[in-house]
PDB file of all heavy atoms in Angstrom:
ATOM      1  N   ALA A   1     -37.345  12.662  85.947  1.00  0.00           N
ATOM      2  CA  ALA A   1     -38.042  11.596  86.703  1.00  0.00           C
ATOM      3  C   ALA A   1     -38.204  10.346  85.902  1.00  0.00           C
ATOM      4  O   ALA A   1     -38.412   9.304  86.487  1.00  0.00           O
ATOM      5  CB  ALA A   1     -39.389  12.095  87.142  1.00  0.00           C
ATOM      6  N   ALA A   2     -38.027  10.395  84.593  1.00  0.00           N
ATOM      7  CA  ALA A   2     -38.269   9.251  83.747  1.00  0.00           C
ATOM      8  C   ALA A   2     -37.241   8.101  83.883  1.00  0.00           C
ATOM      9  O   ALA A   2     -36.045   8.387  84.014  1.00  0.00           O
ATOM     10  CB  ALA A   2     -38.342   9.692  82.280  1.00  0.00           C
ATOM     11  N   THR A   3     -37.735   6.926  83.931  1.00  0.00           N
ATOM     12  CA  THR A   3     -36.896   5.765  83.853  1.00  0.00           C
ATOM     13  C   THR A   3     -36.896   5.181  82.435  1.00  0.00           C
ATOM     14  O   THR A   3     -37.981   4.997  81.860  1.00  0.00           O
ATOM     15  CB  THR A   3     -37.326   4.654  84.826  1.00  0.00           C
ATOM     16  OG1 THR A   3     -37.432   5.255  86.138  1.00  0.00           O
ATOM     17  CG2 THR A   3     -36.493   3.413  84.838  1.00  0.00           C
ATOM     18  N   PRO A   4     -35.732   4.947  81.789  1.00  0.00           N
ATOM     19  CA  PRO A   4     -35.704   4.478  80.452  1.00  0.00           C
ATOM     20  C   PRO A   4     -36.133   3.003  80.377  1.00  0.00           C
ATOM     21  O   PRO A   4     -35.290   2.139  80.020  1.00  0.00           O
ATOM     22  CB  PRO A   4     -34.265   4.679  80.034  1.00  0.00           C
ATOM     23  CG  PRO A   4     -33.503   4.657  81.283  1.00  0.00           C
ATOM     24  CD  PRO A   4     -34.421   5.183  82.386  1.00  0.00           C
ATOM     25  N   GLU A   5     -37.406   2.699  80.540  1.00  0.00           N
ATOM     26  CA  GLU A   5     -37.891   1.384  80.531  1.00  0.00           C
ATOM     27  C   GLU A   5     -37.804   0.708  79.155  1.00  0.00           C
ATOM     28  O   GLU A   5     -37.685  -0.493  79.038  1.00  0.00           O
ATOM     29  CB  GLU A   5     -39.398   1.369  80.889  1.00  0.00           C
ATOM     30  CG  GLU A   5     -39.714   1.962  82.279  1.00  0.00           C
ATOM     31  CD  GLU A   5     -39.256   1.100  83.438  1.00  0.00           C
ATOM     32  OE1 GLU A   5     -39.029  -0.110  83.212  1.00  0.00           O
ATOM     33  OE2 GLU A   5     -39.119   1.609  84.523  1.00  0.00           O
ATOM     34  N   PHE A   6     -37.736   1.532  78.100  1.00  0.00           N
ATOM     35  CA  PHE A   6     -37.684   1.026  76.707  1.00  0.00           C
ATOM     36  C   PHE A   6     -36.430   0.181  76.467  1.00  0.00           C
ATOM     37  O   PHE A   6     -36.456  -0.716  75.650  1.00  0.00           O
ATOM     38  CB  PHE A   6     -37.823   2.124  75.710  1.00  0.00           C
ATOM     39  CG  PHE A   6     -36.619   3.031  75.677  1.00  0.00           C
ATOM     40  CD1 PHE A   6     -35.605   2.812  74.802  1.00  0.00           C
ATOM     41  CD2 PHE A   6     -36.589   4.158  76.516  1.00  0.00           C
ATOM     42  CE1 PHE A   6     -34.489   3.696  74.720  1.00  0.00           C
ATOM     43  CE2 PHE A   6     -35.508   5.026  76.485  1.00  0.00           C
ATOM     44  CZ  PHE A   6     -34.447   4.765  75.591  1.00  0.00           C
ATOM     45  N   ILE A   7     -35.401   0.521  77.145  1.00  0.00           N
ATOM     46  CA  ILE A   7     -34.113  -0.243  76.896  1.00  0.00           C
ATOM     47  C   ILE A   7     -34.290  -1.716  77.142  1.00  0.00           C
ATOM     48  O   ILE A   7     -33.943  -2.494  76.235  1.00  0.00           O
ATOM     49  CB  ILE A   7     -32.971   0.318  77.795  1.00  0.00           C
ATOM     50  CG1 ILE A   7     -32.676   1.742  77.406  1.00  0.00           C
ATOM     51  CG2 ILE A   7     -31.739  -0.532  77.686  1.00  0.00           C
ATOM     52  CD1 ILE A   7     -31.665   2.494  78.280  1.00  0.00           C
ATOM     53  N   GLY A   8     -34.804  -2.116  78.233  1.00  0.00           N
ATOM     54  CA  GLY A   8     -35.038  -3.548  78.478  1.00  0.00           C
ATOM     55  C   GLY A   8     -36.211  -4.089  77.676  1.00  0.00           C
ATOM     56  O   GLY A   8     -36.165  -5.239  77.192  1.00  0.00           O
ATOM     57  N   ALA A   9     -37.221  -3.301  77.564  1.00  0.00           N
ATOM     58  CA  ALA A   9     -38.509  -3.764  76.902  1.00  0.00           C
ATOM     59  C   ALA A   9     -38.276  -4.091  75.477  1.00  0.00           C
ATOM     60  O   ALA A   9     -38.940  -5.011  74.935  1.00  0.00           O
ATOM     61  CB  ALA A   9     -39.585  -2.700  77.116  1.00  0.00           C
ATOM     62  N   ILE A  10     -37.419  -3.383  74.805  1.00  0.00           N
ATOM     63  CA  ILE A  10     -37.194  -3.711  73.380  1.00  0.00           C
ATOM     64  C   ILE A  10     -35.929  -4.534  73.145  1.00  0.00           C
ATOM     65  O   ILE A  10     -35.684  -5.003  72.053  1.00  0.00           O
ATOM     66  CB  ILE A  10     -37.123  -2.449  72.449  1.00  0.00           C
ATOM     67  CG1 ILE A  10     -35.997  -1.538  72.799  1.00  0.00           C
ATOM     68  CG2 ILE A  10     -38.475  -1.710  72.519  1.00  0.00           C
ATOM     69  CD1 ILE A  10     -35.920  -0.320  71.860  1.00  0.00           C
ATOM     70  N   GLY A  11     -35.182  -4.812  74.251  1.00  0.00           N
ATOM     71  CA  GLY A  11     -34.103  -5.720  74.133  1.00  0.00           C
ATOM     72  C   GLY A  11     -32.696  -5.115  73.884  1.00  0.00           C
ATOM     73  O   GLY A  11     -31.779  -5.799  73.644  1.00  0.00           O
ATOM     74  N   LEU A  12     -32.680  -3.795  73.931  1.00  0.00           N
ATOM     75  CA  LEU A  12     -31.381  -3.131  73.720  1.00  0.00           C
ATOM     76  C   LEU A  12     -30.337  -3.541  74.799  1.00  0.00           C
ATOM     77  O   LEU A  12     -29.163  -3.720  74.429  1.00  0.00           O
ATOM     78  CB  LEU A  12     -31.501  -1.612  73.738  1.00  0.00           C
ATOM     79  CG  LEU A  12     -32.248  -1.016  72.576  1.00  0.00           C
ATOM     80  CD1 LEU A  12     -32.436   0.487  72.732  1.00  0.00           C
ATOM     81  CD2 LEU A  12     -31.510  -1.250  71.246  1.00  0.00           C
ATOM     82  N   ASP A  13     -30.752  -3.772  75.997  1.00  0.00           N
ATOM     83  CA  ASP A  13     -29.832  -4.151  77.048  1.00  0.00           C
ATOM     84  C   ASP A  13     -29.176  -5.502  76.775  1.00  0.00           C
ATOM     85  O   ASP A  13     -28.010  -5.692  77.116  1.00  0.00           O
ATOM     86  CB  ASP A  13     -30.585  -4.239  78.429  1.00  0.00           C
ATOM     87  CG  ASP A  13     -31.744  -5.179  78.357  1.00  0.00           C
ATOM     88  OD1 ASP A  13     -32.322  -5.494  77.325  1.00  0.00           O
ATOM     89  OD2 ASP A  13     -32.210  -5.567  79.498  1.00  0.00           O
ATOM     90  N   ALA A  14     -29.830  -6.377  76.021  1.00  0.00           N
ATOM     91  CA  ALA A  14     -29.223  -7.690  75.665  1.00  0.00           C
ATOM     92  C   ALA A  14     -28.554  -7.730  74.338  1.00  0.00           C
ATOM     93  O   ALA A  14     -27.805  -8.696  74.045  1.00  0.00           O
ATOM     94  CB  ALA A  14     -30.316  -8.771  75.783  1.00  0.00           C
ATOM     95  N   HIS A  15     -28.835  -6.801  73.430  1.00  0.00           N
ATOM     96  CA  HIS A  15     -28.384  -6.869  72.050  1.00  0.00           C
ATOM     97  C   HIS A  15     -27.409  -5.818  71.598  1.00  0.00           C
ATOM     98  O   HIS A  15     -26.899  -5.847  70.510  1.00  0.00           O
ATOM     99  CB  HIS A  15     -29.586  -6.855  71.088  1.00  0.00           C
ATOM    100  CG  HIS A  15     -30.328  -8.171  71.194  1.00  0.00           C
ATOM    101  ND1 HIS A  15     -31.373  -8.368  72.130  1.00  0.00           N
ATOM    102  CD2 HIS A  15     -30.174  -9.368  70.570  1.00  0.00           C
ATOM    103  CE1 HIS A  15     -31.812  -9.600  71.897  1.00  0.00           C
ATOM    104  NE2 HIS A  15     -31.100 -10.200  71.066  1.00  0.00           N
ATOM    105  N   LEU A  16     -27.126  -4.823  72.514  1.00  0.00           N
ATOM    106  CA  LEU A  16     -26.078  -3.871  72.174  1.00  0.00           C
ATOM    107  C   LEU A  16     -24.729  -4.369  72.714  1.00  0.00           C
ATOM    108  O   LEU A  16     -24.687  -4.945  73.804  1.00  0.00           O
ATOM    109  CB  LEU A  16     -26.364  -2.482  72.809  1.00  0.00           C
ATOM    110  CG  LEU A  16     -27.518  -1.694  72.144  1.00  0.00           C
ATOM    111  CD1 LEU A  16     -27.695  -0.389  72.896  1.00  0.00           C
ATOM    112  CD2 LEU A  16     -27.287  -1.421  70.686  1.00  0.00           C
ATOM    113  N   SER A  17     -23.676  -4.065  72.007  1.00  0.00           N
ATOM    114  CA  SER A  17     -22.337  -4.342  72.526  1.00  0.00           C
ATOM    115  C   SER A  17     -22.099  -3.516  73.783  1.00  0.00           C
ATOM    116  O   SER A  17     -22.750  -2.474  74.032  1.00  0.00           O
ATOM    117  CB  SER A  17     -21.251  -3.990  71.511  1.00  0.00           C
ATOM    118  OG  SER A  17     -21.193  -2.587  71.351  1.00  0.00           O
ATOM    119  N   PRO A  18     -21.187  -3.985  74.660  1.00  0.00           N
ATOM    120  CA  PRO A  18     -20.909  -3.186  75.862  1.00  0.00           C
ATOM    121  C   PRO A  18     -20.556  -1.763  75.624  1.00  0.00           C
ATOM    122  O   PRO A  18     -20.995  -0.841  76.332  1.00  0.00           O
ATOM    123  CB  PRO A  18     -19.783  -3.973  76.561  1.00  0.00           C
ATOM    124  CG  PRO A  18     -19.922  -5.315  76.072  1.00  0.00           C
ATOM    125  CD  PRO A  18     -20.463  -5.242  74.663  1.00  0.00           C
ATOM    126  N   THR A  19     -19.791  -1.495  74.522  1.00  0.00           N
ATOM    127  CA  THR A  19     -19.368  -0.100  74.274  1.00  0.00           C
ATOM    128  C   THR A  19     -20.584   0.702  73.795  1.00  0.00           C
ATOM    129  O   THR A  19     -20.735   1.872  74.122  1.00  0.00           O
ATOM    130  CB  THR A  19     -18.255  -0.053  73.262  1.00  0.00           C
ATOM    131  OG1 THR A  19     -18.617  -0.791  72.072  1.00  0.00           O
ATOM    132  CG2 THR A  19     -16.963  -0.624  73.807  1.00  0.00           C
ATOM    133  N   ARG A  20     -21.453   0.088  72.962  1.00  0.00           N
ATOM    134  CA  ARG A  20     -22.677   0.855  72.504  1.00  0.00           C
ATOM    135  C   ARG A  20     -23.628   1.097  73.738  1.00  0.00           C
ATOM    136  O   ARG A  20     -24.275   2.118  73.819  1.00  0.00           O
ATOM    137  CB  ARG A  20     -23.356   0.092  71.406  1.00  0.00           C
ATOM    138  CG  ARG A  20     -22.597   0.002  70.154  1.00  0.00           C
ATOM    139  CD  ARG A  20     -23.290   0.584  68.974  1.00  0.00           C
ATOM    140  NE  ARG A  20     -22.643   0.259  67.720  1.00  0.00           N
ATOM    141  CZ  ARG A  20     -21.708   0.947  67.180  1.00  0.00           C
ATOM    142  NH1 ARG A  20     -21.294   2.033  67.801  1.00  0.00           N
ATOM    143  NH2 ARG A  20     -21.132   0.641  66.061  1.00  0.00           N
ATOM    144  N   SER A  21     -23.720   0.119  74.603  1.00  0.00           N
ATOM    145  CA  SER A  21     -24.529   0.236  75.753  1.00  0.00           C
ATOM    146  C   SER A  21     -24.056   1.340  76.682  1.00  0.00           C
ATOM    147  O   SER A  21     -24.801   2.156  77.149  1.00  0.00           O
ATOM    148  CB  SER A  21     -24.585  -1.101  76.540  1.00  0.00           C
ATOM    149  OG  SER A  21     -25.511  -1.011  77.608  1.00  0.00           O
ATOM    150  N   ASN A  22     -22.682   1.412  76.840  1.00  0.00           N
ATOM    151  CA  ASN A  22     -22.126   2.500  77.604  1.00  0.00           C
ATOM    152  C   ASN A  22     -22.424   3.880  76.986  1.00  0.00           C
ATOM    153  O   ASN A  22     -22.727   4.858  77.666  1.00  0.00           O
ATOM    154  CB  ASN A  22     -20.598   2.339  77.703  1.00  0.00           C
ATOM    155  CG  ASN A  22     -20.218   1.247  78.694  1.00  0.00           C
ATOM    156  OD1 ASN A  22     -21.057   0.809  79.540  1.00  0.00           O
ATOM    157  ND2 ASN A  22     -19.037   0.750  78.555  1.00  0.00           N
ATOM    158  N   GLY A  23     -22.341   3.939  75.656  1.00  0.00           N
ATOM    159  CA  GLY A  23     -22.633   5.140  74.925  1.00  0.00           C
ATOM    160  C   GLY A  23     -24.069   5.565  75.078  1.00  0.00           C
ATOM    161  O   GLY A  23     -24.403   6.741  75.268  1.00  0.00           O
ATOM    162  N   LEU A  24     -25.015   4.574  74.970  1.00  0.00           N
ATOM    163  CA  LEU A  24     -26.374   4.908  75.201  1.00  0.00           C
ATOM    164  C   LEU A  24     -26.630   5.437  76.562  1.00  0.00           C
ATOM    165  O   LEU A  24     -27.305   6.464  76.750  1.00  0.00           O
ATOM    166  CB  LEU A  24     -27.211   3.601  74.977  1.00  0.00           C
ATOM    167  CG  LEU A  24     -28.761   3.784  75.183  1.00  0.00           C
ATOM    168  CD1 LEU A  24     -29.387   4.775  74.188  1.00  0.00           C
ATOM    169  CD2 LEU A  24     -29.428   2.384  75.047  1.00  0.00           C
ATOM    170  N   ASN A  25     -26.042   4.847  77.596  1.00  0.00           N
ATOM    171  CA  ASN A  25     -26.149   5.348  78.963  1.00  0.00           C
ATOM    172  C   ASN A  25     -25.570   6.709  79.091  1.00  0.00           C
ATOM    173  O   ASN A  25     -26.132   7.550  79.786  1.00  0.00           O
ATOM    174  CB  ASN A  25     -25.545   4.387  79.987  1.00  0.00           C
ATOM    175  CG  ASN A  25     -26.392   3.130  80.061  1.00  0.00           C
ATOM    176  OD1 ASN A  25     -27.605   3.115  79.971  1.00  0.00           O
ATOM    177  ND2 ASN A  25     -25.718   1.945  80.272  1.00  0.00           N
ATOM    178  N   SER A  26     -24.416   7.035  78.413  1.00  0.00           N
ATOM    179  CA  SER A  26     -23.801   8.301  78.450  1.00  0.00           C
ATOM    180  C   SER A  26     -24.727   9.405  77.839  1.00  0.00           C
ATOM    181  O   SER A  26     -24.809  10.507  78.344  1.00  0.00           O
ATOM    182  CB  SER A  26     -22.472   8.327  77.752  1.00  0.00           C
ATOM    183  OG  SER A  26     -21.533   7.483  78.462  1.00  0.00           O
ATOM    184  N   MET A  27     -25.399   9.023  76.775  1.00  0.00           N
ATOM    185  CA  MET A  27     -26.324   9.973  76.113  1.00  0.00           C
ATOM    186  C   MET A  27     -27.521  10.253  77.045  1.00  0.00           C
ATOM    187  O   MET A  27     -27.917  11.411  77.161  1.00  0.00           O
ATOM    188  CB  MET A  27     -26.800   9.406  74.751  1.00  0.00           C
ATOM    189  CG  MET A  27     -25.697   9.431  73.663  1.00  0.00           C
ATOM    190  SD  MET A  27     -26.293   8.929  72.050  1.00  0.00           S
ATOM    191  CE  MET A  27     -26.472   7.161  72.201  1.00  0.00           C
ATOM    192  N   ILE A  28     -28.077   9.247  77.697  1.00  0.00           N
ATOM    193  CA  ILE A  28     -29.172   9.421  78.581  1.00  0.00           C
ATOM    194  C   ILE A  28     -28.781  10.277  79.767  1.00  0.00           C
ATOM    195  O   ILE A  28     -29.530  11.161  80.157  1.00  0.00           O
ATOM    196  CB  ILE A  28     -29.782   8.072  79.028  1.00  0.00           C
ATOM    197  CG1 ILE A  28     -30.473   7.362  77.877  1.00  0.00           C
ATOM    198  CG2 ILE A  28     -30.785   8.267  80.162  1.00  0.00           C
ATOM    199  CD1 ILE A  28     -30.822   5.931  78.151  1.00  0.00           C
ATOM    200  N   GLU A  29     -27.572  10.011  80.301  1.00  0.00           N
ATOM    201  CA  GLU A  29     -27.063  10.865  81.405  1.00  0.00           C
ATOM    202  C   GLU A  29     -26.925  12.305  80.996  1.00  0.00           C
ATOM    203  O   GLU A  29     -27.307  13.199  81.740  1.00  0.00           O
ATOM    204  CB  GLU A  29     -25.738  10.278  81.907  1.00  0.00           C
ATOM    205  CG  GLU A  29     -25.814   9.021  82.675  1.00  0.00           C
ATOM    206  CD  GLU A  29     -24.485   8.353  82.934  1.00  0.00           C
ATOM    207  OE1 GLU A  29     -23.445   9.016  82.747  1.00  0.00           O
ATOM    208  OE2 GLU A  29     -24.482   7.176  83.373  1.00  0.00           O
ATOM    209  N   ALA A  30     -26.442  12.582  79.773  1.00  0.00           N
ATOM    210  CA  ALA A  30     -26.257  13.979  79.235  1.00  0.00           C
ATOM    211  C   ALA A  30     -27.643  14.568  79.157  1.00  0.00           C
ATOM    212  O   ALA A  30     -27.814  15.784  79.514  1.00  0.00           O
ATOM    213  CB  ALA A  30     -25.515  13.967  77.969  1.00  0.00           C
ATOM    214  N   ILE A  31     -28.655  13.904  78.640  1.00  0.00           N
ATOM    215  CA  ILE A  31     -29.976  14.419  78.499  1.00  0.00           C
ATOM    216  C   ILE A  31     -30.532  14.719  79.863  1.00  0.00           C
ATOM    217  O   ILE A  31     -31.120  15.794  80.116  1.00  0.00           O
ATOM    218  CB  ILE A  31     -30.868  13.410  77.720  1.00  0.00           C
ATOM    219  CG1 ILE A  31     -30.483  13.421  76.232  1.00  0.00           C
ATOM    220  CG2 ILE A  31     -32.375  13.754  77.886  1.00  0.00           C
ATOM    221  CD1 ILE A  31     -31.068  12.254  75.456  1.00  0.00           C
ATOM    222  N   LYS A  32     -30.375  13.856  80.838  1.00  0.00           N
ATOM    223  CA  LYS A  32     -30.900  14.073  82.171  1.00  0.00           C
ATOM    224  C   LYS A  32     -30.153  15.211  82.857  1.00  0.00           C
ATOM    225  O   LYS A  32     -30.767  15.956  83.609  1.00  0.00           O
ATOM    226  CB  LYS A  32     -30.812  12.781  82.989  1.00  0.00           C
ATOM    227  CG  LYS A  32     -31.896  11.796  82.547  1.00  0.00           C
ATOM    228  CD  LYS A  32     -32.016  10.601  83.491  1.00  0.00           C
ATOM    229  CE  LYS A  32     -33.183   9.756  83.128  1.00  0.00           C
ATOM    230  NZ  LYS A  32     -34.358  10.111  83.849  1.00  0.00           N
ATOM    231  N   ARG A  33     -28.859  15.394  82.651  1.00  0.00           N
ATOM    232  CA  ARG A  33     -28.121  16.530  83.203  1.00  0.00           C
ATOM    233  C   ARG A  33     -28.678  17.798  82.669  1.00  0.00           C
ATOM    234  O   ARG A  33     -28.903  18.786  83.359  1.00  0.00           O
ATOM    235  CB  ARG A  33     -26.615  16.425  82.921  1.00  0.00           C
ATOM    236  CG  ARG A  33     -25.805  15.662  83.933  1.00  0.00           C
ATOM    237  CD  ARG A  33     -24.338  15.859  83.779  1.00  0.00           C
ATOM    238  NE  ARG A  33     -23.811  15.703  82.451  1.00  0.00           N
ATOM    239  CZ  ARG A  33     -23.470  14.500  81.853  1.00  0.00           C
ATOM    240  NH1 ARG A  33     -23.611  13.423  82.593  1.00  0.00           N
ATOM    241  NH2 ARG A  33     -23.017  14.472  80.682  1.00  0.00           N
ATOM    242  N   ALA A  34     -28.902  17.812  81.313  1.00  0.00           N
ATOM    243  CA  ALA A  34     -29.444  19.059  80.698  1.00  0.00           C
ATOM    244  C   ALA A  34     -30.844  19.333  81.262  1.00  0.00           C
ATOM    245  O   ALA A  34     -31.184  20.478  81.502  1.00  0.00           O
ATOM    246  CB  ALA A  34     -29.508  18.839  79.243  1.00  0.00           C
TER     247      ALA A  34
END
């Protein structure tokens, strides 16, 4: 049920490269699948 609010709140959405951002999203998706 959790929304990863921290990503925008700490600025990761604006300061990670697109590939790192995709990786972060892939990790969150894997955690949510589990």
